[in-house]
């Protein structure tokens, strides 16, 4: 199988779709990635977990 632009586009679309269908209450909260668990203090840089949670929430918003 050759690595073409079409296969890269198809793979990226499938990954974005997989992120978009993650249900927060059913899946993400059970592994500790719920929306209420990444809250930091004022002036603190968000950690990688909070950034990934925000990315997942943003992708879900855009894909609606």
PDB file of N, CA and C in Angstrom:
ATOM      1  N   UNK A   1       0.844  -1.181   0.000  1.00  0.00           N
ATOM      2  CA  UNK A   1       0.000   0.000   0.000  1.00  0.00           C
ATOM      3  C   UNK A   1       0.887   1.241   0.000  1.00  0.00           C
ATOM      4  N   UNK A   2       0.656   2.092  -0.926  1.00  0.00           N
ATOM      5  CA  UNK A   2       1.463   3.303  -1.062  1.00  0.00           C
ATOM      6  C   UNK A   2       0.920   4.391  -0.144  1.00  0.00           C
ATOM      7  N   UNK A   3       1.818   5.203   0.359  1.00  0.00           N
ATOM      8  CA  UNK A   3       1.454   6.327   1.208  1.00  0.00           C
ATOM      9  C   UNK A   3       1.191   7.533   0.320  1.00  0.00           C
ATOM     10  N   UNK A   4      -0.081   7.802   0.084  1.00  0.00           N
ATOM     11  CA  UNK A   4      -0.451   8.898  -0.801  1.00  0.00           C
ATOM     12  C   UNK A   4      -1.123   9.999   0.007  1.00  0.00           C
ATOM     13  N   UNK A   5      -1.360  11.114  -0.648  1.00  0.00           N
ATOM     14  CA  UNK A   5      -2.035  12.231  -0.008  1.00  0.00           C
ATOM     15  C   UNK A   5      -3.459  11.848   0.373  1.00  0.00           C
ATOM     16  N   UNK A   6      -4.102  11.072  -0.458  1.00  0.00           N
ATOM     17  CA  UNK A   6      -5.464  10.632  -0.173  1.00  0.00           C
ATOM     18  C   UNK A   6      -5.513   9.742   1.072  1.00  0.00           C
ATOM     19  N   UNK A   7      -4.555   8.841   1.222  1.00  0.00           N
ATOM     20  CA  UNK A   7      -4.560   7.967   2.399  1.00  0.00           C
ATOM     21  C   UNK A   7      -4.252   8.758   3.669  1.00  0.00           C
ATOM     22  N   UNK A   8      -3.388   9.772   3.587  1.00  0.00           N
ATOM     23  CA  UNK A   8      -3.131  10.632   4.737  1.00  0.00           C
ATOM     24  C   UNK A   8      -4.367  11.437   5.117  1.00  0.00           C
ATOM     25  N   UNK A   9      -5.071  11.944   4.133  1.00  0.00           N
ATOM     26  CA  UNK A   9      -6.298  12.691   4.383  1.00  0.00           C
ATOM     27  C   UNK A   9      -7.359  11.789   4.999  1.00  0.00           C
ATOM     28  N   UNK A  10      -7.485  10.595   4.491  1.00  0.00           N
ATOM     29  CA  UNK A  10      -8.460   9.646   5.007  1.00  0.00           C
ATOM     30  C   UNK A  10      -8.127   9.247   6.449  1.00  0.00           C
ATOM     31  N   UNK A  11      -6.873   9.013   6.756  1.00  0.00           N
ATOM     32  CA  UNK A  11      -6.463   8.646   8.105  1.00  0.00           C
ATOM     33  C   UNK A  11      -6.702   9.792   9.082  1.00  0.00           C
ATOM     34  N   UNK A  12      -6.401  11.016   8.675  1.00  0.00           N
ATOM     35  CA  UNK A  12      -6.629  12.156   9.566  1.00  0.00           C
ATOM     36  C   UNK A  12      -8.112  12.384   9.805  1.00  0.00           C
ATOM     37  N   UNK A  13      -8.934  12.180   8.791  1.00  0.00           N
ATOM     38  CA  UNK A  13     -10.376  12.313   8.970  1.00  0.00           C
ATOM     39  C   UNK A  13     -10.922  11.250   9.921  1.00  0.00           C
ATOM     40  N   UNK A  14     -10.422  10.034   9.821  1.00  0.00           N
ATOM     41  CA  UNK A  14     -10.855   8.978  10.728  1.00  0.00           C
ATOM     42  C   UNK A  14     -10.431   9.249  12.169  1.00  0.00           C
ATOM     43  N   UNK A  15      -9.254   9.810  12.367  1.00  0.00           N
ATOM     44  CA  UNK A  15      -8.791  10.143  13.718  1.00  0.00           C
ATOM     45  C   UNK A  15      -9.612  11.280  14.310  1.00  0.00           C
ATOM     46  N   UNK A  16      -9.905  12.298  13.517  1.00  0.00           N
ATOM     47  CA  UNK A  16     -10.731  13.404  13.997  1.00  0.00           C
ATOM     48  C   UNK A  16     -12.135  12.912  14.329  1.00  0.00           C
ATOM     49  N   UNK A  17     -12.659  12.009  13.536  1.00  0.00           N
ATOM     50  CA  UNK A  17     -13.976  11.443  13.816  1.00  0.00           C
ATOM     51  C   UNK A  17     -13.955  10.624  15.107  1.00  0.00           C
ATOM     52  N   UNK A  18     -12.882   9.890  15.340  1.00  0.00           N
ATOM     53  CA  UNK A  18     -12.774   9.106  16.574  1.00  0.00           C
ATOM     54  C   UNK A  18     -12.720  10.009  17.792  1.00  0.00           C
ATOM     55  N   UNK A  19     -12.043  11.136  17.701  1.00  0.00           N
ATOM     56  CA  UNK A  19     -11.994  12.085  18.811  1.00  0.00           C
ATOM     57  C   UNK A  19     -13.358  12.729  19.017  1.00  0.00           C
ATOM     58  N   UNK A  20     -14.068  12.992  17.932  1.00  0.00           N
ATOM     59  CA  UNK A  20     -15.352  13.675  18.023  1.00  0.00           C
ATOM     60  C   UNK A  20     -16.421  12.826  18.687  1.00  0.00           C
ATOM     61  N   UNK A  21     -16.323  11.519  18.589  1.00  0.00           N
ATOM     62  CA  UNK A  21     -17.381  10.683  19.155  1.00  0.00           C
ATOM     63  C   UNK A  21     -17.105  10.244  20.585  1.00  0.00           C
ATOM     64  N   UNK A  22     -15.981  10.678  21.171  1.00  0.00           N
ATOM     65  CA  UNK A  22     -15.714  10.336  22.565  1.00  0.00           C
ATOM     66  C   UNK A  22     -16.753  11.003  23.456  1.00  0.00           C
ATOM     67  N   UNK A  23     -17.448  10.227  24.235  1.00  0.00           N
ATOM     68  CA  UNK A  23     -18.477  10.746  25.112  1.00  0.00           C
ATOM     69  C   UNK A  23     -17.861  11.048  26.469  1.00  0.00           C
ATOM     70  N   UNK A  24     -18.077  12.267  26.948  1.00  0.00           N
ATOM     71  CA  UNK A  24     -17.378  12.702  28.155  1.00  0.00           C
ATOM     72  C   UNK A  24     -17.823  11.938  29.400  1.00  0.00           C
ATOM     73  N   UNK A  25     -19.111  11.740  29.576  1.00  0.00           N
ATOM     74  CA  UNK A  25     -19.583  11.057  30.784  1.00  0.00           C
ATOM     75  C   UNK A  25     -19.331   9.552  30.733  1.00  0.00           C
ATOM     76  N   UNK A  26     -19.416   8.965  29.565  1.00  0.00           N
ATOM     77  CA  UNK A  26     -19.278   7.508  29.460  1.00  0.00           C
ATOM     78  C   UNK A  26     -17.842   7.035  29.419  1.00  0.00           C
ATOM     79  N   UNK A  27     -16.971   7.781  28.777  1.00  0.00           N
ATOM     80  CA  UNK A  27     -15.616   7.294  28.563  1.00  0.00           C
ATOM     81  C   UNK A  27     -14.555   8.146  29.252  1.00  0.00           C
ATOM     82  N   UNK A  28     -14.573   9.435  28.995  1.00  0.00           N
ATOM     83  CA  UNK A  28     -13.484  10.291  29.468  1.00  0.00           C
ATOM     84  C   UNK A  28     -13.466  10.438  30.980  1.00  0.00           C
ATOM     85  N   UNK A  29     -14.612  10.504  31.615  1.00  0.00           N
ATOM     86  CA  UNK A  29     -14.646  10.669  33.066  1.00  0.00           C
ATOM     87  C   UNK A  29     -14.156   9.416  33.777  1.00  0.00           C
ATOM     88  N   UNK A  30     -14.356   8.247  33.197  1.00  0.00           N
ATOM     89  CA  UNK A  30     -13.911   6.996  33.817  1.00  0.00           C
ATOM     90  C   UNK A  30     -12.391   6.866  33.832  1.00  0.00           C
ATOM     91  N   UNK A  31     -11.724   7.490  32.880  1.00  0.00           N
ATOM     92  CA  UNK A  31     -10.264   7.416  32.876  1.00  0.00           C
ATOM     93  C   UNK A  31      -9.633   8.655  33.499  1.00  0.00           C
ATOM     94  N   UNK A  32     -10.467   9.540  34.072  1.00  0.00           N
ATOM     95  CA  UNK A  32      -9.948  10.704  34.767  1.00  0.00           C
ATOM     96  C   UNK A  32      -9.723  11.921  33.901  1.00  0.00           C
ATOM     97  N   UNK A  33     -10.385  12.005  32.760  1.00  0.00           N
ATOM     98  CA  UNK A  33     -10.224  13.140  31.861  1.00  0.00           C
ATOM     99  C   UNK A  33     -11.511  13.929  31.732  1.00  0.00           C
ATOM    100  N   UNK A  34     -12.315  13.998  32.790  1.00  0.00           N
ATOM    101  CA  UNK A  34     -13.560  14.750  32.749  1.00  0.00           C
ATOM    102  C   UNK A  34     -13.304  16.241  32.711  1.00  0.00           C
ATOM    103  N   UNK A  35     -14.328  17.011  32.442  1.00  0.00           N
ATOM    104  CA  UNK A  35     -14.166  18.458  32.310  1.00  0.00           C
ATOM    105  C   UNK A  35     -13.887  19.131  33.640  1.00  0.00           C
ATOM    106  N   UNK A  36     -14.313  18.540  34.741  1.00  0.00           N
ATOM    107  CA  UNK A  36     -14.116  19.178  36.037  1.00  0.00           C
ATOM    108  C   UNK A  36     -12.787  18.806  36.681  1.00  0.00           C
ATOM    109  N   UNK A  37     -11.989  17.963  36.075  1.00  0.00           N
ATOM    110  CA  UNK A  37     -10.767  17.484  36.708  1.00  0.00           C
ATOM    111  C   UNK A  37      -9.518  18.208  36.230  1.00  0.00           C
ATOM    112  N   UNK A  38      -9.614  19.091  35.266  1.00  0.00           N
ATOM    113  CA  UNK A  38      -8.445  19.782  34.751  1.00  0.00           C
ATOM    114  C   UNK A  38      -8.386  21.241  35.138  1.00  0.00           C
ATOM    115  N   UNK A  39      -9.040  21.609  36.213  1.00  0.00           N
ATOM    116  CA  UNK A  39      -9.127  23.008  36.607  1.00  0.00           C
ATOM    117  C   UNK A  39      -7.896  23.382  37.423  1.00  0.00           C
ATOM    118  N   UNK A  40      -7.178  24.388  36.971  1.00  0.00           N
ATOM    119  CA  UNK A  40      -6.001  24.868  37.681  1.00  0.00           C
ATOM    120  C   UNK A  40      -6.289  26.202  38.331  1.00  0.00           C
ATOM    121  N   UNK A  41      -5.296  26.759  38.979  1.00  0.00           N
ATOM    122  CA  UNK A  41      -5.444  28.050  39.634  1.00  0.00           C
ATOM    123  C   UNK A  41      -5.205  29.195  38.672  1.00  0.00           C
ATOM    124  N   UNK A  42      -5.401  30.392  39.171  1.00  0.00           N
ATOM    125  CA  UNK A  42      -5.217  31.591  38.357  1.00  0.00           C
ATOM    126  C   UNK A  42      -3.733  31.811  38.097  1.00  0.00           C
ATOM    127  N   UNK A  43      -3.375  32.044  36.862  1.00  0.00           N
ATOM    128  CA  UNK A  43      -2.001  32.316  36.500  1.00  0.00           C
ATOM    129  C   UNK A  43      -1.149  31.089  36.272  1.00  0.00           C
ATOM    130  N   UNK A  44      -1.664  29.911  36.504  1.00  0.00           N
ATOM    131  CA  UNK A  44      -0.905  28.685  36.288  1.00  0.00           C
ATOM    132  C   UNK A  44      -1.058  28.234  34.844  1.00  0.00           C
ATOM    133  N   UNK A  45      -0.001  27.692  34.313  1.00  0.00           N
ATOM    134  CA  UNK A  45      -0.070  27.121  32.975  1.00  0.00           C
ATOM    135  C   UNK A  45      -0.837  25.809  33.037  1.00  0.00           C
ATOM    136  N   UNK A  46      -1.768  25.598  32.105  1.00  0.00           N
ATOM    137  CA  UNK A  46      -2.490  24.326  32.113  1.00  0.00           C
ATOM    138  C   UNK A  46      -1.566  23.173  31.742  1.00  0.00           C
ATOM    139  N   UNK A  47      -1.777  22.050  32.362  1.00  0.00           N
ATOM    140  CA  UNK A  47      -0.969  20.876  32.075  1.00  0.00           C
ATOM    141  C   UNK A  47      -1.361  20.232  30.766  1.00  0.00           C
ATOM    142  N   UNK A  48      -0.632  19.191  30.413  1.00  0.00           N
ATOM    143  CA  UNK A  48      -0.888  18.499  29.146  1.00  0.00           C
ATOM    144  C   UNK A  48      -2.264  17.842  29.150  1.00  0.00           C
ATOM    145  N   UNK A  49      -2.682  17.358  30.312  1.00  0.00           N
ATOM    146  CA  UNK A  49      -3.992  16.719  30.418  1.00  0.00           C
ATOM    147  C   UNK A  49      -5.114  17.729  30.166  1.00  0.00           C
ATOM    148  N   UNK A  50      -5.002  18.922  30.737  1.00  0.00           N
ATOM    149  CA  UNK A  50      -6.009  19.962  30.521  1.00  0.00           C
ATOM    150  C   UNK A  50      -6.005  20.436  29.076  1.00  0.00           C
ATOM    151  N   UNK A  51      -4.827  20.520  28.463  1.00  0.00           N
ATOM    152  CA  UNK A  51      -4.757  20.943  27.066  1.00  0.00           C
ATOM    153  C   UNK A  51      -5.383  19.913  26.137  1.00  0.00           C
ATOM    154  N   UNK A  52      -5.140  18.628  26.402  1.00  0.00           N
ATOM    155  CA  UNK A  52      -5.754  17.583  25.576  1.00  0.00           C
ATOM    156  C   UNK A  52      -7.266  17.539  25.760  1.00  0.00           C
ATOM    157  N   UNK A  53      -7.722  17.763  26.995  1.00  0.00           N
ATOM    158  CA  UNK A  53      -9.164  17.804  27.243  1.00  0.00           C
ATOM    159  C   UNK A  53      -9.800  18.967  26.493  1.00  0.00           C
ATOM    160  N   UNK A  54      -9.150  20.124  26.504  1.00  0.00           N
ATOM    161  CA  UNK A  54      -9.659  21.268  25.746  1.00  0.00           C
ATOM    162  C   UNK A  54      -9.641  21.008  24.250  1.00  0.00           C
ATOM    163  N   UNK A  55      -8.613  20.312  23.757  1.00  0.00           N
ATOM    164  CA  UNK A  55      -8.553  19.971  22.339  1.00  0.00           C
ATOM    165  C   UNK A  55      -9.694  19.036  21.952  1.00  0.00           C
ATOM    166  N   UNK A  56      -9.958  18.029  22.782  1.00  0.00           N
ATOM    167  CA  UNK A  56     -11.057  17.104  22.505  1.00  0.00           C
ATOM    168  C   UNK A  56     -12.383  17.840  22.513  1.00  0.00           C
ATOM    169  N   UNK A  57     -12.590  18.730  23.478  1.00  0.00           N
ATOM    170  CA  UNK A  57     -13.842  19.493  23.556  1.00  0.00           C
ATOM    171  C   UNK A  57     -13.988  20.412  22.343  1.00  0.00           C
ATOM    172  N   UNK A  58     -12.890  21.003  21.888  1.00  0.00           N
ATOM    173  CA  UNK A  58     -12.942  21.884  20.717  1.00  0.00           C
ATOM    174  C   UNK A  58     -13.268  21.106  19.446  1.00  0.00           C
ATOM    175  N   UNK A  59     -12.657  19.939  19.282  1.00  0.00           N
ATOM    176  CA  UNK A  59     -12.938  19.112  18.106  1.00  0.00           C
ATOM    177  C   UNK A  59     -14.394  18.673  18.110  1.00  0.00           C
ATOM    178  N   UNK A  60     -14.917  18.304  19.271  1.00  0.00           N
ATOM    179  CA  UNK A  60     -16.321  17.892  19.344  1.00  0.00           C
ATOM    180  C   UNK A  60     -17.251  19.055  18.995  1.00  0.00           C
ATOM    181  N   UNK A  61     -16.893  20.275  19.415  1.00  0.00           N
ATOM    182  CA  UNK A  61     -17.718  21.444  19.094  1.00  0.00           C
ATOM    183  C   UNK A  61     -17.703  21.740  17.600  1.00  0.00           C
ATOM    184  N   UNK A  62     -16.517  21.681  16.994  1.00  0.00           N
ATOM    185  CA  UNK A  62     -16.401  21.978  15.569  1.00  0.00           C
ATOM    186  C   UNK A  62     -17.120  20.915  14.720  1.00  0.00           C
ATOM    187  N   UNK A  63     -17.019  19.645  15.117  1.00  0.00           N
ATOM    188  CA  UNK A  63     -17.586  18.571  14.311  1.00  0.00           C
ATOM    189  C   UNK A  63     -19.104  18.455  14.438  1.00  0.00           C
ATOM    190  N   UNK A  64     -19.697  19.181  15.349  1.00  0.00           N
ATOM    191  CA  UNK A  64     -21.160  19.166  15.422  1.00  0.00           C
ATOM    192  C   UNK A  64     -21.708  19.925  14.255  1.00  0.00           C
TER     193      UNK A  64
END
